[in-house]
Structures are given as structure tokens and as C-alpha cells.
Protein backbone atom coordinates (compact mmCIF):
# COMPACT_ATOMS: atom_id res chain seq x y z
CA MET A 1 -85.46 2.42 -73.22
CA LEU A 2 -83.40 5.37 -72.00
CA THR A 3 -79.84 5.88 -73.17
CA SER A 4 -77.27 6.83 -70.53
CA VAL A 5 -77.41 10.46 -71.69
CA ASP A 6 -81.22 10.47 -71.50
CA HIS A 7 -81.10 8.86 -68.08
CA ILE A 8 -78.63 11.48 -66.80
CA GLU A 9 -80.91 14.25 -68.09
CA GLU A 10 -83.89 12.62 -66.37
CA ILE A 11 -81.89 12.30 -63.13
CA HIS A 12 -81.04 16.00 -63.22
CA GLU A 13 -84.74 16.79 -63.69
CA PHE A 14 -85.63 14.92 -60.47
CA GLY A 15 -82.29 15.34 -58.67
CA TRP A 16 -81.67 11.63 -58.04
CA THR A 17 -82.39 8.09 -59.17
CA ARG A 18 -83.12 4.95 -57.17
CA VAL A 19 -80.77 1.96 -57.47
CA ASP A 20 -81.56 -1.23 -55.53
CA THR A 21 -78.36 -2.55 -53.96
CA ALA A 22 -79.61 -5.49 -51.84
CA PRO A 23 -82.95 -6.89 -50.67
CA GLY A 24 -84.63 -4.17 -48.63
CA GLU A 25 -81.85 -1.66 -49.40
CA TRP A 26 -81.43 1.02 -52.04
CA VAL A 27 -79.42 4.13 -52.80
CA ALA A 28 -80.73 7.50 -53.94
CA LEU A 29 -77.93 8.24 -56.42
CA VAL A 30 -77.20 11.95 -57.00
CA PRO A 31 -74.88 13.22 -59.76
CA ASN A 32 -72.75 16.32 -59.43
CA GLU A 33 -73.32 19.22 -61.84
CA ASP A 34 -70.94 18.04 -64.56
CA ASN A 35 -71.94 14.35 -64.31
CA SER A 36 -68.41 13.30 -63.36
CA ALA A 37 -69.17 11.94 -59.90
CA TRP A 38 -71.90 10.47 -57.70
CA GLY A 39 -73.02 10.95 -54.14
CA GLY A 40 -76.14 9.75 -52.43
CA THR A 41 -78.16 8.39 -49.54
CA LEU A 42 -78.50 4.78 -48.39
CA TRP A 43 -82.05 3.68 -47.51
CA LYS A 44 -83.21 0.51 -45.77
CA ARG A 45 -86.66 -0.97 -45.33
CA GLY A 46 -87.67 -1.03 -41.65
CA GLU A 47 -89.63 -3.78 -39.95
CA ASP A 48 -92.68 -1.52 -40.24
CA GLY A 49 -92.38 -1.53 -44.06
CA VAL A 50 -91.19 2.09 -44.25
CA ASP A 51 -87.86 3.06 -45.84
CA TYR A 52 -85.43 4.90 -43.54
CA SER A 53 -82.23 6.75 -44.38
CA GLU A 54 -79.10 5.08 -43.04
CA GLY A 55 -76.91 8.06 -43.95
CA CYS A 56 -75.47 9.90 -46.91
CA THR A 57 -72.15 10.78 -48.48
CA ALA A 58 -70.35 14.07 -48.02
CA GLY A 59 -70.27 15.51 -51.51
CA HIS A 60 -69.85 13.30 -54.56
CA PRO A 61 -67.00 10.89 -53.74
CA ILE A 62 -67.65 8.22 -56.39
CA SER A 63 -66.48 8.54 -60.00
CA ALA A 64 -69.27 8.43 -62.58
CA ALA A 65 -67.04 6.14 -64.66
CA LEU A 66 -68.37 3.28 -62.50
CA GLY A 67 -71.93 3.51 -63.80
CA PHE A 68 -75.19 3.50 -61.85
CA GLU A 69 -75.15 0.12 -60.15
CA ALA A 70 -71.47 0.05 -59.20
CA ALA A 71 -71.61 3.64 -57.91
CA ALA A 72 -74.68 2.85 -55.78
CA ARG A 73 -72.93 -0.18 -54.25
CA GLU A 74 -69.87 1.95 -53.45
CA ILE A 75 -72.07 4.57 -51.78
CA ALA A 76 -73.74 1.85 -49.70
CA VAL A 77 -70.30 0.62 -48.59
CA LEU A 78 -69.14 4.16 -47.70
CA VAL A 79 -72.23 4.89 -45.62
CA LYS A 80 -72.00 1.54 -43.82
CA LYS A 81 -68.32 2.17 -43.01
CA GLU A 82 -69.16 5.64 -41.69
CA ASN A 83 -71.93 4.18 -39.52
CA ALA A 84 -69.51 1.61 -38.07
CA LYS A 85 -67.28 4.32 -36.57
């Protein structure tokens, strides 16, 4: 099992990590350089079975103090609010 530090290092190696936020929905969670904040992209499964981007954050607006799952949910909410405008 990865520790949080190990997971952060692995995320930096790949650039992002996937966090499922709801059935058929997930966030590609991206840390900033000093691991103090998160940004990311919301993805949803289409009727054709392919995942499509719903949108992404501008920068890294979510504090890393929230942890992976809570940060991903906040990013999903931000993207959905932006799409509603």
C-alpha cells in the first residue's frame, strides 16, 4: 500500500491520478509543484462507453489539505458550476 508521500511522488511521475467521484464520473487530479493545492479535469462516461472531458479548473484552486477524494469532489463541483454559466 502506498503512503500519502509515496502516492504524491507517483502522481508527479505521471502528472495526475484518477479519483472516482460518482458512477460514470471521475476526476484527473493534478497537484501543483509544491503539493499544496489541486486542480484537475472532470470526466464523464458517454452513452457510447467512452470517457469525455466535461471541463477543467483554471490553475490549482483546491487546497491539498482536503486529501484526494475531497479535492476531487470539489473539482467536480467547480467544473459543474462553470458549465452551468
